[in-house]
Amino acid sequence: MAIKYYVKAAISEFKGDDGTMKKRYQSIGIVMETKHGLMLKIESLPVFAMKEGSILAYLNEPEDKAAPAAKATNLSNLESDIPF
């Protein structure tokens, strides 16, 4: 069963560094492809995020694992002298 989508819901809002309101998201499940079609697996329900008795969720496609990761830290580049 291959993961087709990650299901994420907006659970809260916060004020960013630039003063604009931003949303915080939580992964609540996945959508898998089975031999009978798509299947939704809900792993958690953020009940505190419910508004008017429902939760709106986004489907995000999995990122390509072959794509280079965001600037990983290489331990060989660390300074050998610790300043304390």
Protein backbone atom coordinates (compact mmCIF):
# COMPACT_ATOMS: atom_id res chain seq x y z
CA MET A 1 0.00 0.00 0.00
CA ALA A 2 1.58 3.22 -1.16
CA ILE A 3 0.98 6.52 0.61
CA LYS A 4 -0.69 8.93 -1.81
CA TYR A 5 -1.32 11.88 0.53
CA TYR A 6 -0.62 13.10 4.03
CA VAL A 7 -3.71 14.55 5.74
CA LYS A 8 -2.99 17.73 7.73
CA ALA A 9 -5.32 20.04 9.66
CA ALA A 10 -4.85 23.60 10.90
CA ILE A 11 -4.95 23.31 14.69
CA SER A 12 -4.07 26.81 15.88
CA GLU A 13 -2.91 30.27 14.88
CA PHE A 14 0.07 32.33 16.01
CA LYS A 15 1.63 35.68 15.27
CA GLY A 16 4.76 35.35 13.14
CA ASP A 17 7.94 37.42 13.42
CA ASP A 18 6.63 39.83 10.80
CA GLY A 19 3.38 40.40 12.76
CA THR A 20 1.09 38.44 10.43
CA MET A 21 -1.15 35.64 11.67
CA LYS A 22 0.01 32.17 10.61
CA LYS A 23 -1.48 28.69 11.07
CA ARG A 24 0.09 25.71 12.79
CA TYR A 25 -0.64 22.35 11.16
CA GLN A 26 -0.73 18.80 12.55
CA SER A 27 -0.59 15.57 10.58
CA ILE A 28 -3.79 13.63 11.35
CA GLY A 29 -3.57 10.72 8.91
CA ILE A 30 -2.71 9.38 5.47
CA VAL A 31 -4.46 8.35 2.26
CA MET A 32 -3.23 5.01 0.86
CA GLU A 33 -3.83 3.36 -2.48
CA THR A 34 -5.11 -0.21 -2.13
CA LYS A 35 -6.28 -2.78 -4.65
CA HIS A 36 -9.86 -1.59 -3.97
CA GLY A 37 -9.10 2.13 -4.35
CA LEU A 38 -8.09 4.94 -2.02
CA MET A 39 -8.30 4.38 1.75
CA LEU A 40 -8.15 7.02 4.51
CA LYS A 41 -6.36 6.14 7.75
CA ILE A 42 -7.06 8.66 10.51
CA GLU A 43 -4.39 8.51 13.19
CA SER A 44 -5.54 11.39 15.41
CA LEU A 45 -8.37 13.89 15.66
CA PRO A 46 -7.54 17.33 17.06
CA VAL A 47 -10.89 17.82 18.79
CA PHE A 48 -9.78 21.19 20.21
CA ALA A 49 -9.38 22.46 16.62
CA MET A 50 -13.01 21.70 15.68
CA LYS A 51 -15.06 24.67 14.53
CA GLU A 52 -18.82 24.31 14.08
CA GLY A 53 -18.55 20.53 14.59
CA SER A 54 -16.08 19.83 11.77
CA ILE A 55 -12.39 19.81 10.88
CA LEU A 56 -11.05 20.99 7.54
CA ALA A 57 -7.99 19.06 6.36
CA TYR A 58 -5.50 19.38 3.52
CA LEU A 59 -4.13 16.57 1.37
CA ASN A 60 -0.40 17.01 0.78
CA GLU A 61 1.49 14.82 -1.68
CA PRO A 62 4.58 13.11 -0.24
CA GLU A 63 7.82 14.88 -1.06
CA ASP A 64 10.29 13.16 -3.37
CA LYS A 65 12.91 11.41 -1.23
CA ALA A 66 15.47 11.68 -4.05
CA ALA A 67 15.38 15.49 -3.83
CA PRO A 68 18.30 16.95 -1.89
CA ALA A 69 17.51 17.69 1.74
CA ALA A 70 17.61 21.23 3.05
CA LYS A 71 21.22 22.07 3.97
CA ALA A 72 22.10 19.21 6.32
CA THR A 73 24.67 19.77 9.05
CA ASN A 74 27.95 18.02 8.41
CA LEU A 75 29.81 17.13 11.62
CA SER A 76 33.20 17.48 9.93
CA ASN A 77 32.53 21.22 9.46
CA LEU A 78 32.12 21.91 13.18
CA GLU A 79 34.78 23.87 15.00
CA SER A 80 37.11 21.72 17.06
CA ASP A 81 37.55 24.36 19.78
CA ILE A 82 34.50 24.95 22.00
CA PRO A 83 34.52 28.56 23.31
CA PHE A 84 33.62 27.98 26.97
